[in-house]
Structures are given as C-alpha cells and as structure tokens.
PDB file of N, CA and C in Angstrom:
ATOM      1  N   MET A   1       0.846  -1.173   0.000  1.00  0.00           N
ATOM      2  CA  MET A   1       0.000   0.000   0.000  1.00  0.00           C
ATOM      3  C   MET A   1       0.890   1.234   0.000  1.00  0.00           C
ATOM      4  N   ARG A   2       0.270   2.370  -0.163  1.00  0.00           N
ATOM      5  CA  ARG A   2       1.008   3.624  -0.269  1.00  0.00           C
ATOM      6  C   ARG A   2       0.414   4.627   0.724  1.00  0.00           C
ATOM      7  N   ILE A   3       1.300   5.305   1.473  1.00  0.00           N
ATOM      8  CA  ILE A   3       0.844   6.341   2.392  1.00  0.00           C
ATOM      9  C   ILE A   3       1.520   7.663   2.056  1.00  0.00           C
ATOM     10  N   ARG A   4       0.891   8.735   2.496  1.00  0.00           N
ATOM     11  CA  ARG A   4       1.475  10.071   2.369  1.00  0.00           C
ATOM     12  C   ARG A   4       2.082  10.452   3.713  1.00  0.00           C
ATOM     13  N   VAL A   5       3.243  11.082   3.647  1.00  0.00           N
ATOM     14  CA  VAL A   5       3.873  11.619   4.850  1.00  0.00           C
ATOM     15  C   VAL A   5       4.003  13.120   4.646  1.00  0.00           C
ATOM     16  N   GLN A   6       3.293  13.861   5.459  1.00  0.00           N
ATOM     17  CA  GLN A   6       3.326  15.319   5.384  1.00  0.00           C
ATOM     18  C   GLN A   6       4.392  15.800   6.366  1.00  0.00           C
ATOM     19  N   ILE A   7       5.409  16.458   5.831  1.00  0.00           N
ATOM     20  CA  ILE A   7       6.575  16.834   6.623  1.00  0.00           C
ATOM     21  C   ILE A   7       6.467  18.291   7.056  1.00  0.00           C
ATOM     22  N   ASP A   8       6.658  18.526   8.350  1.00  0.00           N
ATOM     23  CA  ASP A   8       6.751  19.883   8.907  1.00  0.00           C
ATOM     24  C   ASP A   8       5.660  20.820   8.431  1.00  0.00           C
ATOM     25  N   ASP A   9       4.463  20.599   8.889  1.00  0.00           N
ATOM     26  CA  ASP A   9       3.345  21.507   8.612  1.00  0.00           C
ATOM     27  C   ASP A   9       3.107  21.736   7.127  1.00  0.00           C
ATOM     28  N   ALA A  10       3.154  20.675   6.353  1.00  0.00           N
ATOM     29  CA  ALA A  10       2.767  20.674   4.933  1.00  0.00           C
ATOM     30  C   ALA A  10       3.746  21.373   4.005  1.00  0.00           C
ATOM     31  N   ARG A  11       4.954  21.646   4.459  1.00  0.00           N
ATOM     32  CA  ARG A  11       5.926  22.225   3.533  1.00  0.00           C
ATOM     33  C   ARG A  11       6.317  21.224   2.455  1.00  0.00           C
ATOM     34  N   LYS A  12       6.204  19.942   2.772  1.00  0.00           N
ATOM     35  CA  LYS A  12       6.572  18.910   1.806  1.00  0.00           C
ATOM     36  C   LYS A  12       5.765  17.654   2.112  1.00  0.00           C
ATOM     37  N   THR A  13       5.359  16.947   1.068  1.00  0.00           N
ATOM     38  CA  THR A  13       4.676  15.665   1.220  1.00  0.00           C
ATOM     39  C   THR A  13       5.396  14.636   0.371  1.00  0.00           C
ATOM     40  N   ILE A  14       5.656  13.469   0.963  1.00  0.00           N
ATOM     41  CA  ILE A  14       6.256  12.366   0.214  1.00  0.00           C
ATOM     42  C   ILE A  14       5.293  11.185   0.267  1.00  0.00           C
ATOM     43  N   HIS A  15       5.496  10.243  -0.634  1.00  0.00           N
ATOM     44  CA  HIS A  15       4.708   9.011  -0.664  1.00  0.00           C
ATOM     45  C   HIS A  15       5.645   7.847  -0.386  1.00  0.00           C
ATOM     46  N   LEU A  16       5.185   6.907   0.420  1.00  0.00           N
ATOM     47  CA  LEU A  16       5.976   5.726   0.749  1.00  0.00           C
ATOM     48  C   LEU A  16       5.184   4.467   0.437  1.00  0.00           C
ATOM     49  N   ASP A  17       5.876   3.479  -0.097  1.00  0.00           N
ATOM     50  CA  ASP A  17       5.293   2.152  -0.264  1.00  0.00           C
ATOM     51  C   ASP A  17       5.565   1.375   1.017  1.00  0.00           C
ATOM     52  N   VAL A  18       4.510   0.915   1.658  1.00  0.00           N
ATOM     53  CA  VAL A  18       4.604   0.250   2.950  1.00  0.00           C
ATOM     54  C   VAL A  18       3.674  -0.958   2.974  1.00  0.00           C
ATOM     55  N   GLU A  19       3.818  -1.753   4.009  1.00  0.00           N
ATOM     56  CA  GLU A  19       2.917  -2.875   4.274  1.00  0.00           C
ATOM     57  C   GLU A  19       2.153  -2.575   5.558  1.00  0.00           C
ATOM     58  N   SER A  20       0.964  -3.081   5.674  1.00  0.00           N
ATOM     59  CA  SER A  20       0.177  -2.839   6.888  1.00  0.00           C
ATOM     60  C   SER A  20       0.852  -3.429   8.124  1.00  0.00           C
ATOM     61  N   THR A  21       1.723  -4.413   7.912  1.00  0.00           N
ATOM     62  CA  THR A  21       2.436  -5.049   9.022  1.00  0.00           C
ATOM     63  C   THR A  21       3.733  -4.328   9.389  1.00  0.00           C
ATOM     64  N   ASP A  22       4.105  -3.296   8.629  1.00  0.00           N
ATOM     65  CA  ASP A  22       5.307  -2.518   8.964  1.00  0.00           C
ATOM     66  C   ASP A  22       5.094  -1.803  10.289  1.00  0.00           C
ATOM     67  N   THR A  23       6.145  -1.796  11.109  1.00  0.00           N
ATOM     68  CA  THR A  23       6.089  -1.008  12.336  1.00  0.00           C
ATOM     69  C   THR A  23       6.378   0.454  12.013  1.00  0.00           C
ATOM     70  N   ILE A  24       6.068   1.312  12.950  1.00  0.00           N
ATOM     71  CA  ILE A  24       6.369   2.732  12.790  1.00  0.00           C
ATOM     72  C   ILE A  24       7.876   2.916  12.651  1.00  0.00           C
ATOM     73  N   HIS A  25       8.658   2.107  13.338  1.00  0.00           N
ATOM     74  CA  HIS A  25      10.118   2.191  13.195  1.00  0.00           C
ATOM     75  C   HIS A  25      10.545   1.900  11.753  1.00  0.00           C
ATOM     76  N   ILE A  26       9.943   0.925  11.120  1.00  0.00           N
ATOM     77  CA  ILE A  26      10.262   0.618   9.719  1.00  0.00           C
ATOM     78  C   ILE A  26       9.878   1.794   8.824  1.00  0.00           C
ATOM     79  N   VAL A  27       8.736   2.405   9.087  1.00  0.00           N
ATOM     80  CA  VAL A  27       8.325   3.580   8.309  1.00  0.00           C
ATOM     81  C   VAL A  27       9.349   4.699   8.481  1.00  0.00           C
ATOM     82  N   LYS A  28       9.815   4.910   9.710  1.00  0.00           N
ATOM     83  CA  LYS A  28      10.835   5.935   9.954  1.00  0.00           C
ATOM     84  C   LYS A  28      12.120   5.621   9.187  1.00  0.00           C
ATOM     85  N   ALA A  29      12.496   4.348   9.112  1.00  0.00           N
ATOM     86  CA  ALA A  29      13.688   3.963   8.351  1.00  0.00           C
ATOM     87  C   ALA A  29      13.502   4.271   6.869  1.00  0.00           C
ATOM     88  N   LYS A  30      12.311   4.061   6.354  1.00  0.00           N
ATOM     89  CA  LYS A  30      12.035   4.391   4.948  1.00  0.00           C
ATOM     90  C   LYS A  30      12.099   5.899   4.723  1.00  0.00           C
ATOM     91  N   ILE A  31      11.621   6.670   5.682  1.00  0.00           N
ATOM     92  CA  ILE A  31      11.722   8.128   5.582  1.00  0.00           C
ATOM     93  C   ILE A  31      13.184   8.550   5.618  1.00  0.00           C
ATOM     94  N   GLN A  32      13.965   7.932   6.500  1.00  0.00           N
ATOM     95  CA  GLN A  32      15.396   8.255   6.565  1.00  0.00           C
ATOM     96  C   GLN A  32      16.076   7.965   5.235  1.00  0.00           C
ATOM     97  N   ALA A  33      15.756   6.839   4.615  1.00  0.00           N
ATOM     98  CA  ALA A  33      16.362   6.477   3.331  1.00  0.00           C
ATOM     99  C   ALA A  33      15.999   7.477   2.242  1.00  0.00           C
ATOM    100  N   GLU A  34      14.793   8.009   2.292  1.00  0.00           N
ATOM    101  CA  GLU A  34      14.336   8.928   1.248  1.00  0.00           C
ATOM    102  C   GLU A  34      14.680  10.385   1.531  1.00  0.00           C
ATOM    103  N   GLU A  35      14.624  10.785   2.793  1.00  0.00           N
ATOM    104  CA  GLU A  35      14.761  12.204   3.149  1.00  0.00           C
ATOM    105  C   GLU A  35      16.005  12.518   3.975  1.00  0.00           C
ATOM    106  N   ASP A  36      16.771  11.499   4.368  1.00  0.00           N
ATOM    107  CA  ASP A  36      17.993  11.684   5.157  1.00  0.00           C
ATOM    108  C   ASP A  36      17.722  12.359   6.505  1.00  0.00           C
ATOM    109  N   ILE A  37      16.603  12.013   7.120  1.00  0.00           N
ATOM    110  CA  ILE A  37      16.278  12.481   8.469  1.00  0.00           C
ATOM    111  C   ILE A  37      16.453  11.277   9.395  1.00  0.00           C
ATOM    112  N   PRO A  38      17.407  11.319  10.329  1.00  0.00           N
ATOM    113  CA  PRO A  38      17.634  10.167  11.205  1.00  0.00           C
ATOM    114  C   PRO A  38      16.363   9.746  11.948  1.00  0.00           C
ATOM    115  N   THR A  39      16.200   8.446  12.109  1.00  0.00           N
ATOM    116  CA  THR A  39      14.990   7.926  12.754  1.00  0.00           C
ATOM    117  C   THR A  39      14.805   8.488  14.160  1.00  0.00           C
ATOM    118  N   GLY A  40      15.894   8.693  14.877  1.00  0.00           N
ATOM    119  CA  GLY A  40      15.812   9.215  16.240  1.00  0.00           C
ATOM    120  C   GLY A  40      15.354  10.655  16.323  1.00  0.00           C
ATOM    121  N   GLN A  41      15.321  11.337  15.196  1.00  0.00           N
ATOM    122  CA  GLN A  41      14.887  12.736  15.166  1.00  0.00           C
ATOM    123  C   GLN A  41      13.481  12.891  14.585  1.00  0.00           C
ATOM    124  N   GLN A  42      12.819  11.772  14.327  1.00  0.00           N
ATOM    125  CA  GLN A  42      11.489  11.803  13.718  1.00  0.00           C
ATOM    126  C   GLN A  42      10.398  11.530  14.754  1.00  0.00           C
ATOM    127  N   PHE A  43       9.313  12.274  14.634  1.00  0.00           N
ATOM    128  CA  PHE A  43       8.114  12.040  15.423  1.00  0.00           C
ATOM    129  C   PHE A  43       6.954  11.949  14.444  1.00  0.00           C
ATOM    130  N   LEU A  44       6.315  10.782  14.380  1.00  0.00           N
ATOM    131  CA  LEU A  44       5.182  10.582  13.478  1.00  0.00           C
ATOM    132  C   LEU A  44       3.876  10.685  14.261  1.00  0.00           C
ATOM    133  N   PHE A  45       2.888  11.313  13.626  1.00  0.00           N
ATOM    134  CA  PHE A  45       1.604  11.574  14.264  1.00  0.00           C
ATOM    135  C   PHE A  45       0.453  11.294  13.317  1.00  0.00           C
ATOM    136  N   LEU A  46      -0.683  10.974  13.900  1.00  0.00           N
ATOM    137  CA  LEU A  46      -1.986  11.130  13.275  1.00  0.00           C
ATOM    138  C   LEU A  46      -2.579  12.351  13.965  1.00  0.00           C
ATOM    139  N   PRO A  47      -3.671  12.890  13.488  1.00  0.00           N
ATOM    140  CA  PRO A  47      -4.241  14.020  14.225  1.00  0.00           C
ATOM    141  C   PRO A  47      -4.453  13.660  15.705  1.00  0.00           C
ATOM    142  N   HIS A  48      -3.792  14.380  16.575  1.00  0.00           N
ATOM    143  CA  HIS A  48      -3.929  14.245  18.031  1.00  0.00           C
ATOM    144  C   HIS A  48      -3.400  12.928  18.595  1.00  0.00           C
ATOM    145  N   LYS A  49      -2.523  12.225  17.859  1.00  0.00           N
ATOM    146  CA  LYS A  49      -1.984  10.963  18.378  1.00  0.00           C
ATOM    147  C   LYS A  49      -0.560  10.758  17.876  1.00  0.00           C
ATOM    148  N   ARG A  50       0.381  10.599  18.815  1.00  0.00           N
ATOM    149  CA  ARG A  50       1.750  10.266  18.445  1.00  0.00           C
ATOM    150  C   ARG A  50       1.835   8.768  18.169  1.00  0.00           C
ATOM    151  N   LEU A  51       2.594   8.397  17.135  1.00  0.00           N
ATOM    152  CA  LEU A  51       2.737   6.994  16.752  1.00  0.00           C
ATOM    153  C   LEU A  51       4.021   6.437  17.359  1.00  0.00           C
ATOM    154  N   HIS A  52       3.903   5.299  18.022  1.00  0.00           N
ATOM    155  CA  HIS A  52       5.037   4.702  18.727  1.00  0.00           C
ATOM    156  C   HIS A  52       5.709   3.630  17.870  1.00  0.00           C
ATOM    157  N   ASP A  53       7.027   3.568  17.975  1.00  0.00           N
ATOM    158  CA  ASP A  53       7.865   2.745  17.099  1.00  0.00           C
ATOM    159  C   ASP A  53       7.465   1.280  17.025  1.00  0.00           C
ATOM    160  N   SER A  54       7.018   0.693  18.113  1.00  0.00           N
ATOM    161  CA  SER A  54       6.780  -0.753  18.127  1.00  0.00           C
ATOM    162  C   SER A  54       5.415  -1.157  17.571  1.00  0.00           C
ATOM    163  N   PHE A  55       4.547  -0.197  17.311  1.00  0.00           N
ATOM    164  CA  PHE A  55       3.216  -0.501  16.779  1.00  0.00           C
ATOM    165  C   PHE A  55       3.249  -0.585  15.255  1.00  0.00           C
ATOM    166  N   THR A  56       2.323  -1.355  14.684  1.00  0.00           N
ATOM    167  CA  THR A  56       2.237  -1.477  13.227  1.00  0.00           C
ATOM    168  C   THR A  56       1.280  -0.433  12.661  1.00  0.00           C
ATOM    169  N   LEU A  57       1.377  -0.253  11.360  1.00  0.00           N
ATOM    170  CA  LEU A  57       0.426   0.631  10.686  1.00  0.00           C
ATOM    171  C   LEU A  57      -0.997   0.121  10.880  1.00  0.00           C
ATOM    172  N   ALA A  58      -1.185  -1.185  10.759  1.00  0.00           N
ATOM    173  CA  ALA A  58      -2.518  -1.774  10.954  1.00  0.00           C
ATOM    174  C   ALA A  58      -3.033  -1.502  12.363  1.00  0.00           C
ATOM    175  N   GLY A  59      -2.144  -1.516  13.340  1.00  0.00           N
ATOM    176  CA  GLY A  59      -2.536  -1.248  14.723  1.00  0.00           C
ATOM    177  C   GLY A  59      -3.101   0.145  14.922  1.00  0.00           C
ATOM    178  N   TYR A  60      -2.717   1.060  14.062  1.00  0.00           N
ATOM    179  CA  TYR A  60      -3.252   2.425  14.094  1.00  0.00           C
ATOM    180  C   TYR A  60      -4.335   2.637  13.031  1.00  0.00           C
ATOM    181  N   TYR A  61      -4.773   1.568  12.385  1.00  0.00           N
ATOM    182  CA  TYR A  61      -5.806   1.623  11.343  1.00  0.00           C
ATOM    183  C   TYR A  61      -5.398   2.511  10.168  1.00  0.00           C
ATOM    184  N   ILE A  62      -4.095   2.543   9.889  1.00  0.00           N
ATOM    185  CA  ILE A  62      -3.590   3.303   8.747  1.00  0.00           C
ATOM    186  C   ILE A  62      -3.747   2.430   7.514  1.00  0.00           C
ATOM    187  N   GLN A  63      -4.412   2.980   6.498  1.00  0.00           N
ATOM    188  CA  GLN A  63      -4.726   2.236   5.286  1.00  0.00           C
ATOM    189  C   GLN A  63      -4.110   2.909   4.069  1.00  0.00           C
ATOM    190  N   ASN A  64      -4.319   2.292   2.912  1.00  0.00           N
ATOM    191  CA  ASN A  64      -3.831   2.835   1.653  1.00  0.00           C
ATOM    192  C   ASN A  64      -4.275   4.290   1.495  1.00  0.00           C
ATOM    193  N   GLU A  65      -3.349   5.140   1.107  1.00  0.00           N
ATOM    194  CA  GLU A  65      -3.561   6.580   0.878  1.00  0.00           C
ATOM    195  C   GLU A  65      -3.841   7.380   2.148  1.00  0.00           C
ATOM    196  N   SER A  66      -3.608   6.783   3.312  1.00  0.00           N
ATOM    197  CA  SER A  66      -3.705   7.553   4.552  1.00  0.00           C
ATOM    198  C   SER A  66      -2.568   8.566   4.611  1.00  0.00           C
ATOM    199  N   THR A  67      -2.767   9.604   5.414  1.00  0.00           N
ATOM    200  CA  THR A  67      -1.731  10.607   5.633  1.00  0.00           C
ATOM    201  C   THR A  67      -1.273  10.534   7.078  1.00  0.00           C
ATOM    202  N   VAL A  68       0.046  10.467   7.263  1.00  0.00           N
ATOM    203  CA  VAL A  68       0.646  10.622   8.584  1.00  0.00           C
ATOM    204  C   VAL A  68       1.484  11.894   8.549  1.00  0.00           C
ATOM    205  N   TYR A  69       1.759  12.420   9.718  1.00  0.00           N
ATOM    206  CA  TYR A  69       2.431  13.711   9.828  1.00  0.00           C
ATOM    207  C   TYR A  69       3.771  13.526  10.519  1.00  0.00           C
ATOM    208  N   LEU A  70       4.794  14.180   9.991  1.00  0.00           N
ATOM    209  CA  LEU A  70       6.150  14.054  10.515  1.00  0.00           C
ATOM    210  C   LEU A  70       6.635  15.396  11.026  1.00  0.00           C
ATOM    211  N   ALA A  71       7.067  15.398  12.276  1.00  0.00           N
ATOM    212  CA  ALA A  71       7.816  16.528  12.824  1.00  0.00           C
ATOM    213  C   ALA A  71       9.212  15.995  13.111  1.00  0.00           C
ATOM    214  N   HIS A  72      10.206  16.822  12.946  1.00  0.00           N
ATOM    215  CA  HIS A  72      11.568  16.386  13.269  1.00  0.00           C
ATOM    216  C   HIS A  72      12.361  17.555  13.803  1.00  0.00           C
ATOM    217  N   TRP A  73      13.453  17.220  14.487  1.00  0.00           N
ATOM    218  CA  TRP A  73      14.330  18.252  15.029  1.00  0.00           C
ATOM    219  C   TRP A  73      15.732  18.032  14.529  1.00  0.00           C
TER     220      TRP A  73
END
C-alpha cells in the first residue's frame, strides 16, 4: 500500500510504499532512506496521536492513501 507523509506543517509531502504489518520504526527507516532524516529525530503523528515505534500501521488503522504527519528536530 502507499501512504502520504506530510513533513513539517505541509511544507513537503512524500509518498511511501509500505505494508500494513510494517512497524512505525520501519516507516521511519524508509523516511530516513528517502529524506535523510535520522529515525531518532522523527516524530510521526496522526491528528492528536503520536505513533510509537513498536506498533504497526494496521494497529493504528492506517490504510492505503492515509496521511501521517512528521515533525523532526
């Protein structure tokens, strides 16, 4: 499936090919590979919910074409 990652308040959006069984940590690794943002500096969110590394996309009910939000420092 494919998800959108909106980076830093919509300044940039990327698309990632992922599996529903991927953990948030795996998604962060894919973002690092594409955007060169270290995984330890990434915070992924849904509206009003921070996503934790050990949970899967399916665990957060993230589906094809869903949008997640990335803040980083």
